Amino acid sequence: MIRDPILVVDDDEALRATLVEALESLPVEIDTAAGGAEGVQRLKDRDYAVVVTDLVMRDADGFAVLAAAKARHEPCRVIMLTGHGSREVAVEAMQKGATYYIEKPVDLKELRTKVAKCLEEHRRDLRYEDMRSQLDKSYGIQGIIGQDPKILRVIEVVRQIAPTAASVLVLGPSGTGKELVARAIHNLSPRRANPFVALNCGGLAEGTIESELFGHVRGAYTGAVADREGKFEYANGGTLFLDEVGEMPPGTQIKLLRVLEDREVSRMGANKPRKVDVRVIAATNADLAARVKSGEFREDLFYRLKVVTLELPPLRERRGDIKLLVEHFLRHFGGVHGKDVESIDRDALVALVNYDWPGNVRELRNAVESMVVRARGNILTRQDLPPEIWAPSPADHDAWLFLGGKTAEEVEKQHIRVSLELNGGNRVRAARAMGISERTLYRKIKEYGLE
């Protein structure tokens, strides 16, 4: 059995011995310190899973022990023992990073319960950090998760091109993580200390997008009541990410090409250009080569943007990465929504792997958030899956029995009811949590009489 190291710090010898005796029944290895100064010294030499420390001690107080514990090993949990009536000080300790405080006289049963909980949380943190470390070491870039050869190739190219100033064109279906890749390039580049600015070019009128990109001076058009810098000026020294660049109006394409070639920008209504140093990363889910042939996109701009081209695969072509992505999203959304969800069972994971994911990683992210929000326990099952991903069929006999013989319609109705309850009846948030459109949710509410 693995025995986690914990440290008990108290300058009262009798209480210290009582605390140690109370904790010996747990799977721990206990070190002690006869005061705050000794506790701080011990924390310089070893990582502890949990530190139990008195708040008021003669040589150094519990705050000094807390600071030393967090400085040495951030995942360390600290339980502060406080005197009766010291609630304000205890709250301060929590604000500085303590996990729990216990008022004296110490309830030993409560102490054991809280230490056991701290050990469980510490182990979970270590497992996650180990997974994150292995991903970063093996696959390279925090935020881009995967071990499929196609995604590994993307990461390799990102590392190669990040230190340069080359323009990059990122291709791939919606939801594959094009902006994530753009941010990774920026964060690994010498420009990382300067702004990363994103602009979605889709659906913007020519005048609007030009004002957004290049800025304008007062009076340049009706409603321009003051000078305004555009995204190029704001991103000076950094990176400008142009999403859905294939939707850019033809007139704006000409002006963008000029900025890329001359490295200077003129605000709308102004005559004097301004020098800019901006790296441009463009992205699209459209076939830009086909748009060039049809005359919808300028050929010279196309080649100016695609100095380097990265193509992101749809999620259905990298199904082996789904487990890694699910684990990552479970951890994230468990924290966001305050849900203690530890893992996902095999049947639910199989269903996720078998689904085709037309919305790619973004859809998977939304689906996992929906599952976490509606989770009935700390392990996700098929019962927690959004209905559009899985519904019972004759081949799913075991799952059918697990659901108590309910029909697919009954399961879906229950999912919708629970999602609405968890989101306070807000249909917009409920639809987002379930990973479906508001229109679909409204139709289902009416169909199932949940109005």
Protein backbone atom coordinates (compact mmCIF):
# COMPACT_ATOMS: atom_id res chain seq x y z
CA MET A 1 0.00 0.00 0.00
CA ILE A 2 1.26 3.48 -0.93
CA ARG A 3 1.63 5.66 2.16
CA ASP A 4 1.41 9.38 1.47
CA PRO A 5 3.71 11.67 3.49
CA ILE A 6 1.97 14.14 5.79
CA LEU A 7 3.36 16.65 8.27
CA VAL A 8 1.88 17.55 11.66
CA VAL A 9 3.10 20.88 13.07
CA ASP A 10 2.27 21.96 16.62
CA ASP A 11 4.34 23.30 19.52
CA ASP A 12 2.04 21.59 22.04
CA GLU A 13 3.70 18.19 22.51
CA ALA A 14 0.62 16.50 23.99
CA LEU A 15 -1.71 17.71 21.22
CA ARG A 16 0.86 16.81 18.57
CA ALA A 17 1.03 13.23 19.89
CA THR A 18 -2.80 13.03 19.95
CA LEU A 19 -3.04 14.19 16.33
CA VAL A 20 -0.44 11.66 15.20
CA GLU A 21 -2.23 8.83 17.00
CA ALA A 22 -5.54 9.83 15.42
CA LEU A 23 -4.06 9.81 11.91
CA GLU A 24 -2.10 6.57 12.11
CA SER A 25 -5.11 4.56 10.92
CA LEU A 26 -4.87 6.27 7.50
CA PRO A 27 -2.47 5.10 4.75
CA VAL A 28 0.07 7.81 5.59
CA GLU A 29 3.64 8.28 6.68
CA ILE A 30 3.67 10.92 9.41
CA ASP A 31 6.43 13.43 10.08
CA THR A 32 6.16 15.92 12.93
CA ALA A 33 7.55 19.36 13.76
CA ALA A 34 7.61 20.87 17.24
CA GLY A 35 6.85 24.37 16.02
CA GLY A 36 6.39 26.58 12.97
CA ALA A 37 10.10 27.21 12.35
CA GLU A 38 10.86 23.48 12.34
CA GLY A 39 7.85 22.88 10.10
CA VAL A 40 9.10 25.44 7.58
CA GLN A 41 12.52 23.78 7.62
CA ARG A 42 11.03 20.31 7.01
CA LEU A 43 9.04 21.69 4.08
CA LYS A 44 12.28 22.74 2.41
CA ASP A 45 13.43 19.13 2.30
CA ARG A 46 10.34 17.15 1.27
CA ASP A 47 7.04 17.32 -0.64
CA TYR A 48 4.05 16.54 1.57
CA ALA A 49 0.57 15.55 0.46
CA VAL A 50 -1.06 17.14 3.53
CA VAL A 51 0.15 19.47 6.27
CA VAL A 52 -1.80 19.79 9.51
CA THR A 53 -0.62 22.86 11.39
CA ASP A 54 -1.62 24.93 14.37
CA LEU A 55 -2.23 28.59 13.58
CA VAL A 56 -0.72 30.21 16.70
CA MET A 57 2.78 29.02 17.68
CA ARG A 58 5.65 30.71 19.50
CA ASP A 59 8.41 30.83 16.86
CA ALA A 60 6.56 30.95 13.50
CA ASP A 61 2.83 30.86 12.95
CA GLY A 62 0.65 28.70 10.71
CA PHE A 63 0.70 31.31 7.93
CA ALA A 64 4.47 30.82 7.57
CA VAL A 65 3.95 27.04 7.37
CA LEU A 66 1.16 27.50 4.81
CA ALA A 67 3.34 29.74 2.62
CA ALA A 68 6.25 27.29 2.79
CA ALA A 69 4.01 24.33 1.92
CA LYS A 70 2.54 26.05 -1.16
CA ALA A 71 5.92 27.38 -2.30
CA ARG A 72 7.46 23.92 -2.11
CA HIS A 73 4.62 21.82 -3.55
CA GLU A 74 1.52 23.60 -4.90
CA PRO A 75 -0.79 20.51 -4.77
CA CYS A 76 -0.12 20.16 -1.02
CA ARG A 77 -3.28 20.48 1.09
CA VAL A 78 -3.03 22.44 4.35
CA ILE A 79 -5.42 22.04 7.29
CA MET A 80 -5.23 24.87 9.83
CA LEU A 81 -6.07 24.33 13.51
CA THR A 82 -7.48 27.46 15.11
CA GLY A 83 -8.60 28.50 18.56
CA HIS A 84 -12.25 29.13 19.33
CA GLY A 85 -13.35 32.55 18.13
CA SER A 86 -10.59 32.85 15.50
CA ARG A 87 -13.00 32.51 12.59
CA GLU A 88 -11.85 35.71 10.85
CA VAL A 89 -8.24 34.53 10.95
CA ALA A 90 -9.34 31.11 9.71
CA VAL A 91 -11.12 32.70 6.74
CA GLU A 92 -7.91 34.61 5.97
CA ALA A 93 -6.05 31.31 6.01
CA MET A 94 -8.50 29.85 3.48
CA GLN A 95 -8.02 32.88 1.26
CA LYS A 96 -4.26 32.32 1.36
CA GLY A 97 -4.58 28.71 0.25
CA ALA A 98 -5.52 26.56 3.24
CA THR A 99 -7.92 23.75 2.32
CA TYR A 100 -9.76 23.45 5.65
CA TYR A 101 -9.67 24.88 9.14
CA ILE A 102 -10.73 23.04 12.29
CA GLU A 103 -11.53 24.81 15.55
CA LYS A 104 -10.08 23.56 18.81
CA PRO A 105 -10.74 21.41 20.71
CA VAL A 106 -10.07 19.23 17.68
CA ASP A 107 -12.72 16.68 16.73
CA LEU A 108 -10.42 13.78 15.80
CA LYS A 109 -13.06 12.08 13.64
CA GLU A 110 -13.53 15.30 11.67
CA LEU A 111 -9.75 15.60 11.32
CA ARG A 112 -9.42 12.06 9.91
CA THR A 113 -12.27 12.69 7.46
CA LYS A 114 -10.74 15.91 6.18
CA VAL A 115 -7.23 14.48 5.90
CA ALA A 116 -8.62 11.50 3.96
CA LYS A 117 -10.42 13.89 1.61
CA CYS A 118 -7.24 15.94 1.15
CA LEU A 119 -5.25 12.79 0.33
CA GLU A 120 -7.80 11.82 -2.31
CA GLU A 121 -7.71 15.28 -3.91
CA HIS A 122 -3.90 15.36 -3.81
CA ARG A 123 -3.61 11.99 -5.58
CA ARG A 124 -6.06 13.15 -8.23
CA ASP A 125 -4.03 16.32 -8.79
CA LEU A 126 -0.84 14.31 -9.15
CA ARG A 127 -2.46 11.95 -11.68
CA TYR A 128 -3.67 14.87 -13.74
CA GLU A 129 -0.33 16.70 -13.58
CA ASP A 130 1.47 13.51 -14.60
CA MET A 131 -0.85 13.07 -17.58
CA ARG A 132 -0.43 16.75 -18.50
CA SER A 133 3.35 16.48 -18.16
CA GLN A 134 3.49 13.36 -20.32
CA LEU A 135 1.32 15.02 -22.95
CA ASP A 136 3.50 18.12 -22.99
CA LYS A 137 6.66 16.03 -23.10
CA SER A 138 5.48 13.60 -25.75
CA TYR A 139 3.10 15.70 -27.76
CA GLY A 140 4.59 19.09 -27.16
CA ILE A 141 2.14 21.95 -26.65
CA GLN A 142 -0.20 22.63 -23.77
CA GLY A 143 -3.74 22.99 -25.01
CA ILE A 144 -3.30 20.80 -28.09
CA ILE A 145 -4.07 17.30 -26.87
CA GLY A 146 -3.53 14.20 -28.96
CA GLN A 147 -1.27 11.36 -29.95
CA ASP A 148 -2.66 10.62 -33.41
CA PRO A 149 0.09 10.89 -36.07
CA LYS A 150 -1.86 13.64 -37.86
CA ILE A 151 -2.02 15.87 -34.79
CA LEU A 152 1.59 15.06 -33.87
CA ARG A 153 2.61 16.29 -37.31
CA VAL A 154 0.73 19.55 -36.73
CA ILE A 155 2.51 20.02 -33.39
CA GLU A 156 5.88 19.33 -35.00
CA VAL A 157 5.30 21.98 -37.66
CA VAL A 158 4.00 24.47 -35.06
CA ARG A 159 7.25 24.10 -33.14
CA GLN A 160 9.29 24.58 -36.30
CA ILE A 161 7.53 27.73 -37.52
CA ALA A 162 6.71 29.46 -34.23
CA PRO A 163 10.08 31.28 -33.90
CA THR A 164 9.75 32.75 -37.42
CA ALA A 165 7.65 35.64 -38.74
CA ALA A 166 6.08 33.60 -41.55
CA SER A 167 2.37 33.98 -42.33
CA VAL A 168 0.39 30.80 -41.66
CA LEU A 169 -2.83 29.46 -43.17
CA VAL A 170 -4.70 26.99 -40.93
CA LEU A 171 -7.24 24.79 -42.70
CA GLY A 172 -9.80 22.41 -41.25
CA PRO A 173 -13.49 21.88 -40.53
CA SER A 174 -15.25 24.04 -37.93
CA GLY A 175 -14.54 23.00 -34.36
CA THR A 176 -11.14 21.39 -34.97
CA GLY A 177 -9.18 23.96 -32.96
CA LYS A 178 -7.79 26.40 -35.52
CA GLU A 179 -7.65 29.31 -33.08
CA LEU A 180 -6.01 27.03 -30.49
CA VAL A 181 -3.23 26.28 -32.99
CA ALA A 182 -2.86 29.98 -33.79
CA ARG A 183 -2.50 30.79 -30.09
CA ALA A 184 0.08 28.01 -29.70
CA ILE A 185 2.16 29.50 -32.53
CA HIS A 186 1.96 32.93 -30.87
CA ASN A 187 2.78 31.62 -27.39
CA LEU A 188 5.87 29.79 -28.65
CA SER A 189 7.09 32.78 -30.65
CA PRO A 190 9.26 35.78 -29.70
CA ARG A 191 6.01 37.81 -29.91
CA ARG A 192 4.42 36.08 -26.92
CA ALA A 193 4.69 39.15 -24.66
CA ASN A 194 2.70 41.24 -27.16
CA PRO A 195 -1.00 41.01 -28.05
CA PHE A 196 -2.75 38.08 -29.71
CA VAL A 197 -5.78 39.59 -31.45
CA ALA A 198 -8.52 37.55 -33.14
CA LEU A 199 -11.10 38.71 -35.68
CA ASN A 200 -13.80 36.58 -37.30
CA CYS A 201 -14.23 37.82 -40.87
CA GLY A 202 -17.42 35.87 -41.51
CA GLY A 203 -20.61 37.84 -42.06
CA LEU A 204 -19.05 41.31 -41.70
CA ALA A 205 -19.89 43.99 -44.26
CA GLU A 206 -16.99 45.53 -46.17
CA GLY A 207 -17.09 48.86 -44.31
CA THR A 208 -17.33 47.16 -40.94
CA ILE A 209 -14.45 44.76 -41.46
CA GLU A 210 -12.20 47.51 -42.84
CA SER A 211 -12.88 49.66 -39.79
CA GLU A 212 -12.14 46.66 -37.55
CA LEU A 213 -8.89 45.85 -39.36
CA PHE A 214 -7.48 49.25 -40.22
CA GLY A 215 -9.29 51.67 -37.89
CA HIS A 216 -10.79 55.03 -38.84
CA VAL A 217 -10.55 58.73 -38.12
CA ARG A 218 -13.32 60.94 -36.87
CA GLY A 219 -15.82 61.72 -39.61
CA ALA A 220 -14.62 58.92 -41.92
CA TYR A 221 -18.23 57.77 -42.18
CA THR A 222 -21.57 58.43 -40.53
CA GLY A 223 -21.28 57.45 -36.88
CA ALA A 224 -17.46 57.76 -36.69
CA VAL A 225 -17.45 60.26 -33.83
CA ALA A 226 -13.84 59.66 -32.75
CA ASP A 227 -10.54 58.27 -34.00
CA ARG A 228 -10.21 54.52 -33.50
CA GLU A 229 -7.27 52.21 -33.99
CA GLY A 230 -7.88 48.96 -35.84
CA LYS A 231 -6.83 45.44 -35.05
CA PHE A 232 -3.53 45.79 -36.95
CA GLU A 233 -2.42 48.73 -34.81
CA TYR A 234 -3.66 47.12 -31.61
CA ALA A 235 -1.75 43.90 -32.43
CA ASN A 236 1.48 45.76 -33.27
CA GLY A 237 4.42 43.60 -32.25
CA GLY A 238 2.16 40.60 -31.81
CA THR A 239 -0.10 38.30 -33.83
CA LEU A 240 -3.37 38.91 -35.70
CA PHE A 241 -5.58 35.86 -36.20
CA LEU A 242 -8.08 36.20 -39.08
CA ASP A 243 -10.69 33.47 -38.76
CA GLU A 244 -12.97 32.60 -41.72
CA VAL A 245 -10.68 34.63 -43.99
CA GLY A 246 -12.38 33.06 -47.02
CA GLU A 247 -15.45 35.21 -46.25
CA MET A 248 -13.52 38.48 -46.59
CA PRO A 249 -15.03 40.90 -49.18
CA PRO A 250 -12.96 41.36 -52.39
CA GLY A 251 -12.27 45.05 -51.73
CA THR A 252 -10.91 44.29 -48.27
CA GLN A 253 -8.72 41.52 -49.70
CA ILE A 254 -6.87 44.10 -51.83
CA LYS A 255 -6.22 46.34 -48.81
CA LEU A 256 -5.12 43.40 -46.66
CA LEU A 257 -2.61 42.34 -49.32
CA ARG A 258 -1.18 45.87 -49.39
CA VAL A 259 -0.74 45.87 -45.61
CA LEU A 260 1.02 42.51 -45.70
CA GLU A 261 3.40 43.67 -48.42
CA ASP A 262 4.11 47.23 -47.19
CA ARG A 263 3.82 46.56 -43.44
CA GLU A 264 1.91 49.79 -42.95
CA VAL A 265 -1.75 50.57 -42.45
CA SER A 266 -3.89 53.62 -43.24
CA ARG A 267 -6.96 54.29 -41.13
CA MET A 268 -10.19 54.86 -43.04
CA GLY A 269 -10.43 58.56 -43.88
CA ALA A 270 -6.73 59.23 -43.20
CA ASN A 271 -3.89 59.89 -45.63
CA LYS A 272 -0.85 59.18 -43.49
CA PRO A 273 0.05 55.47 -43.14
CA ARG A 274 1.32 53.97 -39.90
CA LYS A 275 4.05 51.33 -39.70
CA VAL A 276 2.99 48.01 -38.14
CA ASP A 277 4.85 44.82 -37.28
CA VAL A 278 2.22 42.10 -37.12
CA ARG A 279 2.34 38.39 -37.87
CA VAL A 280 -0.82 37.24 -39.61
CA ILE A 281 -2.30 33.78 -39.09
CA ALA A 282 -5.40 33.12 -41.19
CA ALA A 283 -7.86 30.24 -40.93
CA THR A 284 -10.78 28.91 -42.91
CA ASN A 285 -12.97 25.84 -43.29
CA ALA A 286 -13.56 26.72 -46.95
CA ASP A 287 -11.69 25.39 -49.98
CA LEU A 288 -9.66 28.53 -50.69
CA ALA A 289 -7.99 27.01 -53.77
CA ALA A 290 -11.44 26.45 -55.28
CA ARG A 291 -12.44 30.02 -54.41
CA VAL A 292 -9.33 31.30 -56.13
CA LYS A 293 -10.32 29.41 -59.30
CA SER A 294 -13.86 30.81 -59.14
CA GLY A 295 -12.54 34.35 -58.67
CA GLU A 296 -14.00 34.75 -55.16
CA PHE A 297 -10.59 34.99 -53.51
CA ARG A 298 -7.48 36.77 -54.78
CA GLU A 299 -4.72 34.43 -55.89
CA ASP A 300 -1.93 36.80 -54.81
CA LEU A 301 -3.42 37.10 -51.29
CA PHE A 302 -3.89 33.33 -51.14
CA TYR A 303 -0.19 32.71 -51.74
CA ARG A 304 0.81 35.57 -49.42
CA LEU A 305 -1.15 33.98 -46.56
CA LYS A 306 -0.06 30.38 -47.16
CA VAL A 307 3.69 30.71 -46.63
CA VAL A 308 3.08 27.77 -44.29
CA THR A 309 -0.11 25.68 -44.40
CA LEU A 310 -1.40 23.57 -41.53
CA GLU A 311 -4.35 21.23 -42.03
CA LEU A 312 -6.27 20.01 -38.98
CA PRO A 313 -8.03 16.64 -39.24
CA PRO A 314 -11.67 16.18 -38.21
CA LEU A 315 -12.15 14.35 -34.90
CA ARG A 316 -13.59 11.26 -36.62
CA GLU A 317 -10.14 10.74 -38.20
CA ARG A 318 -8.36 10.75 -34.83
CA ARG A 319 -10.72 8.69 -32.65
CA GLY A 320 -7.79 7.44 -30.57
CA ASP A 321 -7.49 10.92 -29.08
CA ILE A 322 -11.07 11.03 -27.79
CA LYS A 323 -10.20 9.41 -24.44
CA LEU A 324 -7.44 11.96 -23.78
CA LEU A 325 -9.74 14.83 -24.72
CA VAL A 326 -12.58 13.51 -22.54
CA GLU A 327 -10.27 13.22 -19.52
CA HIS A 328 -9.06 16.77 -20.07
CA PHE A 329 -12.60 18.19 -20.39
CA LEU A 330 -13.81 16.18 -17.36
CA ARG A 331 -11.15 17.79 -15.23
CA HIS A 332 -11.87 21.26 -16.56
CA PHE A 333 -15.66 21.23 -16.30
CA GLY A 334 -15.65 19.41 -12.97
CA GLY A 335 -13.86 22.45 -11.57
CA VAL A 336 -15.99 24.99 -13.45
CA HIS A 337 -19.29 23.53 -12.25
CA GLY A 338 -18.14 22.28 -8.85
CA LYS A 339 -18.92 18.65 -9.72
CA ASP A 340 -16.83 15.81 -8.29
CA VAL A 341 -16.70 13.75 -11.50
CA GLU A 342 -13.63 11.51 -11.57
CA SER A 343 -13.94 9.37 -14.70
CA ILE A 344 -16.12 7.86 -17.40
CA ASP A 345 -17.07 4.19 -17.68
CA ARG A 346 -16.17 1.98 -20.63
CA ASP A 347 -19.63 1.83 -22.24
CA ALA A 348 -20.02 5.61 -22.27
CA LEU A 349 -16.51 6.04 -23.67
CA VAL A 350 -17.21 3.48 -26.41
CA ALA A 351 -20.31 5.46 -27.39
CA LEU A 352 -18.27 8.66 -27.60
CA VAL A 353 -15.58 6.98 -29.70
CA ASN A 354 -18.17 5.50 -32.09
CA TYR A 355 -19.96 8.82 -32.67
CA ASP A 356 -18.93 10.72 -35.84
CA TRP A 357 -18.63 14.20 -34.25
CA PRO A 358 -19.76 16.49 -37.09
CA GLY A 359 -18.93 19.43 -34.79
CA ASN A 360 -15.48 17.99 -34.04
CA VAL A 361 -13.60 18.84 -30.81
CA ARG A 362 -15.94 21.75 -30.04
CA GLU A 363 -18.92 19.38 -30.09
CA LEU A 364 -17.10 16.87 -27.87
CA ARG A 365 -16.24 19.67 -25.44
CA ASN A 366 -19.90 20.72 -25.25
CA ALA A 367 -21.04 17.10 -24.86
CA VAL A 368 -18.66 16.45 -21.94
CA GLU A 369 -19.76 19.68 -20.24
CA SER A 370 -23.38 18.57 -20.62
CA MET A 371 -22.54 15.17 -19.12
CA VAL A 372 -20.69 16.72 -16.18
CA VAL A 373 -23.55 19.13 -15.46
CA ARG A 374 -26.13 16.31 -15.49
CA ALA A 375 -23.94 13.65 -13.83
CA ARG A 376 -25.71 11.58 -11.17
CA GLY A 377 -22.50 10.31 -9.61
CA ASN A 378 -18.74 10.70 -9.81
CA ILE A 379 -18.42 8.31 -12.77
CA LEU A 380 -20.11 9.18 -16.07
CA THR A 381 -22.18 6.42 -17.69
CA ARG A 382 -24.18 5.98 -20.88
CA GLN A 383 -27.16 7.31 -18.98
CA ASP A 384 -25.38 10.69 -18.83
CA LEU A 385 -24.78 10.87 -22.59
CA PRO A 386 -26.66 13.51 -24.60
CA PRO A 387 -29.53 11.78 -26.45
CA GLU A 388 -28.23 12.70 -29.91
CA ILE A 389 -25.05 10.68 -29.24
CA TRP A 390 -26.67 7.53 -27.94
CA ALA A 391 -30.16 6.07 -27.59
CA PRO A 392 -31.06 2.46 -26.65
CA SER A 393 -31.38 -0.08 -29.46
CA PRO A 394 -31.91 -3.87 -29.46
CA ALA A 395 -28.13 -4.27 -29.61
CA ASP A 396 -27.73 -2.29 -26.40
CA HIS A 397 -29.54 -4.81 -24.19
CA ASP A 398 -27.30 -4.34 -21.15
CA ALA A 399 -27.61 -0.57 -21.26
CA TRP A 400 -31.37 -0.96 -21.80
CA LEU A 401 -31.65 -2.96 -18.58
CA PHE A 402 -29.46 -0.44 -16.76
CA LEU A 403 -31.87 2.32 -17.73
CA GLY A 404 -34.73 0.33 -16.21
CA GLY A 405 -36.37 -0.52 -19.54
CA LYS A 406 -37.04 3.12 -20.42
CA THR A 407 -37.58 4.06 -24.04
CA ALA A 408 -35.21 6.42 -25.85
CA GLU A 409 -37.94 9.08 -25.71
CA GLU A 410 -38.28 8.71 -21.94
CA VAL A 411 -34.51 8.98 -21.46
CA GLU A 412 -34.35 12.07 -23.68
CA LYS A 413 -37.28 13.68 -21.85
CA GLN A 414 -35.55 13.10 -18.52
CA HIS A 415 -32.29 14.56 -19.82
CA ILE A 416 -34.10 17.71 -20.95
CA ARG A 417 -35.97 18.05 -17.65
CA VAL A 418 -32.76 17.68 -15.60
CA SER A 419 -30.85 20.12 -17.81
CA LEU A 420 -33.60 22.73 -17.45
CA GLU A 421 -33.65 22.26 -13.67
CA LEU A 422 -29.86 22.59 -13.38
CA ASN A 423 -29.93 25.77 -15.46
CA GLY A 424 -32.79 27.39 -13.54
CA GLY A 425 -35.22 26.99 -16.42
CA ASN A 426 -33.02 29.05 -18.75
CA ARG A 427 -33.52 27.40 -22.13
CA VAL A 428 -30.53 29.08 -23.77
CA ARG A 429 -28.11 27.74 -21.14
CA ALA A 430 -29.83 24.35 -21.08
CA ALA A 431 -29.49 23.96 -24.86
CA ARG A 432 -25.82 24.95 -24.67
CA ALA A 433 -25.19 22.47 -21.83
CA MET A 434 -26.85 19.64 -23.79
CA GLY A 435 -24.90 20.48 -26.93
CA ILE A 436 -28.03 21.05 -29.04
CA SER A 437 -29.51 24.12 -30.70
CA GLU A 438 -32.09 26.28 -28.95
CA ARG A 439 -34.50 25.55 -31.78
CA THR A 440 -34.16 21.80 -31.22
CA LEU A 441 -34.65 22.23 -27.47
CA TYR A 442 -37.81 24.33 -27.95
CA ARG A 443 -39.21 21.68 -30.30
CA LYS A 444 -38.43 18.88 -27.82
CA ILE A 445 -39.96 20.82 -24.91
CA LYS A 446 -43.18 21.21 -26.84
CA GLU A 447 -43.10 17.59 -28.04
CA TYR A 448 -42.69 16.22 -24.50
CA GLY A 449 -45.11 18.69 -22.85
CA LEU A 450 -42.42 20.24 -20.64
CA GLU A 451 -43.54 23.84 -21.16
